[in-house]
């Protein structure tokens, strides 16, 4: 179950996301080591993870802000790591 405490150790694809300061929001459909692809009404737009803040909406409706630096790695590597405290 995804919570605000373990969000960065979970798969991000499928979550609703907003790019802080850009006014762009949609569903995460692509993730690479350095980019997130977010699909909105007008197509898929890719954003670099480093230097960008994202606001993810969890399945329970809670919104969590995450610095792209915290998720800047390959998804399969990030899921394996243990993070004590990131917020």
C-alpha atoms as a PDB file:
ATOM      1  CA  UNK A   1       0.000   0.000   0.000  1.00  0.00           C
ATOM      2  CA  UNK A   2       1.361   3.380  -0.986  1.00  0.00           C
ATOM      3  CA  UNK A   3       1.566   5.947   1.793  1.00  0.00           C
ATOM      4  CA  UNK A   4       3.238   9.328   2.059  1.00  0.00           C
ATOM      5  CA  UNK A   5       6.098   7.721   4.013  1.00  0.00           C
ATOM      6  CA  UNK A   6       6.955   5.058   1.431  1.00  0.00           C
ATOM      7  CA  UNK A   7       5.980   6.813  -1.807  1.00  0.00           C
ATOM      8  CA  UNK A   8       9.524   7.082  -3.132  1.00  0.00           C
ATOM      9  CA  UNK A   9       9.961   3.307  -2.783  1.00  0.00           C
ATOM     10  CA  UNK A  10       6.948   2.497  -4.958  1.00  0.00           C
ATOM     11  CA  UNK A  11       6.120   2.461  -8.625  1.00  0.00           C
ATOM     12  CA  UNK A  12       5.037   5.939  -9.764  1.00  0.00           C
ATOM     13  CA  UNK A  13       3.418   4.914 -13.048  1.00  0.00           C
ATOM     14  CA  UNK A  14      -0.343   5.198 -12.743  1.00  0.00           C
ATOM     15  CA  UNK A  15      -0.319   7.900 -10.060  1.00  0.00           C
ATOM     16  CA  UNK A  16      -1.800  11.326 -10.674  1.00  0.00           C
ATOM     17  CA  UNK A  17       0.954  13.936 -10.642  1.00  0.00           C
ATOM     18  CA  UNK A  18       1.293  17.688 -10.869  1.00  0.00           C
ATOM     19  CA  UNK A  19       4.462  19.551 -11.776  1.00  0.00           C
ATOM     20  CA  UNK A  20       4.895  22.227  -9.117  1.00  0.00           C
ATOM     21  CA  UNK A  21       5.199  25.705 -10.582  1.00  0.00           C
ATOM     22  CA  UNK A  22       4.372  24.625 -14.148  1.00  0.00           C
ATOM     23  CA  UNK A  23       0.624  24.154 -13.883  1.00  0.00           C
ATOM     24  CA  UNK A  24       0.793  20.801 -15.668  1.00  0.00           C
ATOM     25  CA  UNK A  25      -0.942  17.746 -14.263  1.00  0.00           C
ATOM     26  CA  UNK A  26      -1.989  14.314 -15.377  1.00  0.00           C
ATOM     27  CA  UNK A  27      -1.131  10.635 -14.958  1.00  0.00           C
ATOM     28  CA  UNK A  28       2.428   9.319 -14.848  1.00  0.00           C
ATOM     29  CA  UNK A  29       2.822   6.994 -17.853  1.00  0.00           C
ATOM     30  CA  UNK A  30       6.597   6.892 -18.287  1.00  0.00           C
ATOM     31  CA  UNK A  31       9.547   6.840 -15.933  1.00  0.00           C
ATOM     32  CA  UNK A  32      13.238   6.733 -16.745  1.00  0.00           C
ATOM     33  CA  UNK A  33      16.251   7.428 -14.570  1.00  0.00           C
ATOM     34  CA  UNK A  34      16.105  11.168 -15.231  1.00  0.00           C
ATOM     35  CA  UNK A  35      12.584  11.843 -16.563  1.00  0.00           C
ATOM     36  CA  UNK A  36       8.902  11.462 -15.754  1.00  0.00           C
ATOM     37  CA  UNK A  37       6.385  11.349 -18.580  1.00  0.00           C
ATOM     38  CA  UNK A  38       2.993  12.751 -17.612  1.00  0.00           C
ATOM     39  CA  UNK A  39      -0.048  12.271 -19.827  1.00  0.00           C
ATOM     40  CA  UNK A  40      -2.682  14.994 -19.908  1.00  0.00           C
ATOM     41  CA  UNK A  41      -5.461  15.899 -22.315  1.00  0.00           C
ATOM     42  CA  UNK A  42      -3.060  17.428 -24.824  1.00  0.00           C
ATOM     43  CA  UNK A  43      -0.549  14.545 -24.884  1.00  0.00           C
ATOM     44  CA  UNK A  44       2.466  13.291 -22.999  1.00  0.00           C
ATOM     45  CA  UNK A  45       5.001  15.771 -21.708  1.00  0.00           C
ATOM     46  CA  UNK A  46       8.343  14.755 -20.232  1.00  0.00           C
ATOM     47  CA  UNK A  47       9.870  16.536 -17.260  1.00  0.00           C
ATOM     48  CA  UNK A  48      13.373  16.142 -15.842  1.00  0.00           C
ATOM     49  CA  UNK A  49      13.413  14.816 -12.298  1.00  0.00           C
ATOM     50  CA  UNK A  50      16.364  16.899 -11.136  1.00  0.00           C
ATOM     51  CA  UNK A  51      15.394  20.482 -10.427  1.00  0.00           C
ATOM     52  CA  UNK A  52      11.647  19.776 -10.510  1.00  0.00           C
ATOM     53  CA  UNK A  53       9.155  19.238  -7.696  1.00  0.00           C
ATOM     54  CA  UNK A  54       6.200  16.937  -8.188  1.00  0.00           C
ATOM     55  CA  UNK A  55       2.961  16.645  -6.250  1.00  0.00           C
ATOM     56  CA  UNK A  56       1.599  13.098  -6.358  1.00  0.00           C
ATOM     57  CA  UNK A  57      -1.976  12.175  -5.465  1.00  0.00           C
ATOM     58  CA  UNK A  58      -2.084   8.859  -3.667  1.00  0.00           C
ATOM     59  CA  UNK A  59      -4.942   6.358  -4.151  1.00  0.00           C
ATOM     60  CA  UNK A  60      -6.432   7.485  -0.813  1.00  0.00           C
ATOM     61  CA  UNK A  61      -6.601  11.085  -2.108  1.00  0.00           C
ATOM     62  CA  UNK A  62      -3.707  12.472  -0.069  1.00  0.00           C
ATOM     63  CA  UNK A  63      -1.343  14.810  -1.941  1.00  0.00           C
ATOM     64  CA  UNK A  64       2.404  14.462  -1.354  1.00  0.00           C
ATOM     65  CA  UNK A  65       5.081  16.849  -2.599  1.00  0.00           C
ATOM     66  CA  UNK A  66       8.361  15.213  -3.649  1.00  0.00           C
ATOM     67  CA  UNK A  67      11.581  16.777  -4.854  1.00  0.00           C
ATOM     68  CA  UNK A  68      12.697  15.192  -8.110  1.00  0.00           C
ATOM     69  CA  UNK A  69      16.130  14.686  -6.564  1.00  0.00           C
ATOM     70  CA  UNK A  70      14.623  12.100  -4.170  1.00  0.00           C
ATOM     71  CA  UNK A  71      13.255  10.017  -7.050  1.00  0.00           C
ATOM     72  CA  UNK A  72      16.140  10.558  -9.462  1.00  0.00           C
ATOM     73  CA  UNK A  73      17.115   6.964 -10.163  1.00  0.00           C
ATOM     74  CA  UNK A  74      15.792   4.039 -12.126  1.00  0.00           C
ATOM     75  CA  UNK A  75      12.489   2.783 -10.770  1.00  0.00           C
ATOM     76  CA  UNK A  76      13.786  -0.747 -10.245  1.00  0.00           C
ATOM     77  CA  UNK A  77      16.762   0.571  -8.236  1.00  0.00           C
ATOM     78  CA  UNK A  78      14.682   3.040  -6.217  1.00  0.00           C
ATOM     79  CA  UNK A  79      12.165   0.365  -5.197  1.00  0.00           C
ATOM     80  CA  UNK A  80      14.939  -1.817  -3.723  1.00  0.00           C
ATOM     81  CA  UNK A  81      16.486   0.896  -1.550  1.00  0.00           C
ATOM     82  CA  UNK A  82      15.484   1.560   2.021  1.00  0.00           C
ATOM     83  CA  UNK A  83      15.014   5.169   3.016  1.00  0.00           C
ATOM     84  CA  UNK A  84      14.695   5.983   6.705  1.00  0.00           C
ATOM     85  CA  UNK A  85      13.264   9.478   6.429  1.00  0.00           C
ATOM     86  CA  UNK A  86      12.895  11.638   3.346  1.00  0.00           C
ATOM     87  CA  UNK A  87      10.315  14.280   4.257  1.00  0.00           C
END
